[in-house]
Amino acid sequence: MGFGSYDESEQQEVDADFDDDDAVQSSSTDHDGTIEFENGASSDELLDRLKEIKDEE
């Protein structure tokens, strides 16, 4: 079969037989804290750098 071709025989019904116990519990990785980040640059320095980037384009 060539690239981009469609064949209905490849579209099978998948039997998803698994237990919920085996599934990943996404709530187990929740984070209820805060995050702080310091980049060491002032707002003016960041704006100047942004202007430089835009001028390069």
C-alpha atoms as a PDB file:
ATOM      1  CA  MET A   1       0.000   0.000   0.000  1.00  0.00           C
ATOM      2  CA  GLY A   2       1.365   3.405  -0.932  1.00  0.00           C
ATOM      3  CA  PHE A   3       1.891   6.417   1.257  1.00  0.00           C
ATOM      4  CA  GLY A   4      -1.370   8.167   2.071  1.00  0.00           C
ATOM      5  CA  SER A   5      -3.531   5.276   0.941  1.00  0.00           C
ATOM      6  CA  TYR A   6      -6.477   4.261   3.060  1.00  0.00           C
ATOM      7  CA  ASP A   7      -7.513   0.681   3.613  1.00  0.00           C
ATOM      8  CA  GLU A   8     -10.531  -0.075   5.784  1.00  0.00           C
ATOM      9  CA  SER A   9      -9.161  -3.504   6.603  1.00  0.00           C
ATOM     10  CA  GLU A  10      -6.458  -1.817   8.703  1.00  0.00           C
ATOM     11  CA  GLN A  11      -9.116  -0.147  10.840  1.00  0.00           C
ATOM     12  CA  GLN A  12      -9.888  -2.847  13.360  1.00  0.00           C
ATOM     13  CA  GLU A  13     -11.854  -2.680  16.557  1.00  0.00           C
ATOM     14  CA  VAL A  14      -9.290  -2.775  19.331  1.00  0.00           C
ATOM     15  CA  ASP A  15     -10.180  -4.840  22.385  1.00  0.00           C
ATOM     16  CA  ALA A  16      -8.986  -2.662  25.269  1.00  0.00           C
ATOM     17  CA  ASP A  17      -9.070  -5.192  28.059  1.00  0.00           C
ATOM     18  CA  PHE A  18      -7.322  -3.624  31.055  1.00  0.00           C
ATOM     19  CA  ASP A  19      -8.082  -2.835  34.656  1.00  0.00           C
ATOM     20  CA  ASP A  20      -8.360   0.670  36.058  1.00  0.00           C
ATOM     21  CA  ASP A  21      -5.734  -0.387  38.610  1.00  0.00           C
ATOM     22  CA  ASP A  22      -3.198  -0.633  35.778  1.00  0.00           C
ATOM     23  CA  ALA A  23      -3.942   2.875  34.499  1.00  0.00           C
ATOM     24  CA  VAL A  24      -1.885   5.929  35.425  1.00  0.00           C
ATOM     25  CA  GLN A  25      -3.564   8.087  38.041  1.00  0.00           C
ATOM     26  CA  SER A  26      -2.915  11.646  36.858  1.00  0.00           C
ATOM     27  CA  SER A  27      -4.055  13.139  40.155  1.00  0.00           C
ATOM     28  CA  SER A  28      -1.120  11.454  41.901  1.00  0.00           C
ATOM     29  CA  THR A  29       1.230  14.041  40.373  1.00  0.00           C
ATOM     30  CA  ASP A  30      -0.767  17.178  41.243  1.00  0.00           C
ATOM     31  CA  HIS A  31       1.202  20.111  42.650  1.00  0.00           C
ATOM     32  CA  ASP A  32      -0.479  22.547  45.006  1.00  0.00           C
ATOM     33  CA  GLY A  33       2.482  24.820  45.732  1.00  0.00           C
ATOM     34  CA  THR A  34       3.926  27.940  44.185  1.00  0.00           C
ATOM     35  CA  ILE A  35       6.829  28.415  41.811  1.00  0.00           C
ATOM     36  CA  GLU A  36       9.136  31.407  41.775  1.00  0.00           C
ATOM     37  CA  PHE A  37      11.702  32.153  39.104  1.00  0.00           C
ATOM     38  CA  GLU A  38      14.388  34.818  39.030  1.00  0.00           C
ATOM     39  CA  ASN A  39      16.191  35.409  35.775  1.00  0.00           C
ATOM     40  CA  GLY A  40      18.470  38.133  37.110  1.00  0.00           C
ATOM     41  CA  ALA A  41      17.375  40.733  34.543  1.00  0.00           C
ATOM     42  CA  SER A  42      15.234  43.791  35.097  1.00  0.00           C
ATOM     43  CA  SER A  43      12.106  44.488  33.069  1.00  0.00           C
ATOM     44  CA  ASP A  44      13.940  47.225  31.161  1.00  0.00           C
ATOM     45  CA  GLU A  45      16.760  44.821  30.257  1.00  0.00           C
ATOM     46  CA  LEU A  46      14.268  42.261  29.036  1.00  0.00           C
ATOM     47  CA  LEU A  47      12.396  44.840  26.965  1.00  0.00           C
ATOM     48  CA  ASP A  48      15.673  46.064  25.451  1.00  0.00           C
ATOM     49  CA  ARG A  49      16.608  42.491  24.546  1.00  0.00           C
ATOM     50  CA  LEU A  50      13.177  41.944  22.977  1.00  0.00           C
ATOM     51  CA  LYS A  51      13.654  45.075  20.869  1.00  0.00           C
ATOM     52  CA  GLU A  52      17.061  43.777  19.738  1.00  0.00           C
ATOM     53  CA  ILE A  53      15.531  40.454  18.725  1.00  0.00           C
ATOM     54  CA  LYS A  54      12.764  42.160  16.758  1.00  0.00           C
ATOM     55  CA  ASP A  55      15.274  44.464  15.033  1.00  0.00           C
ATOM     56  CA  GLU A  56      17.358  41.433  13.940  1.00  0.00           C
ATOM     57  CA  GLU A  57      14.387  40.067  11.997  1.00  0.00           C
END
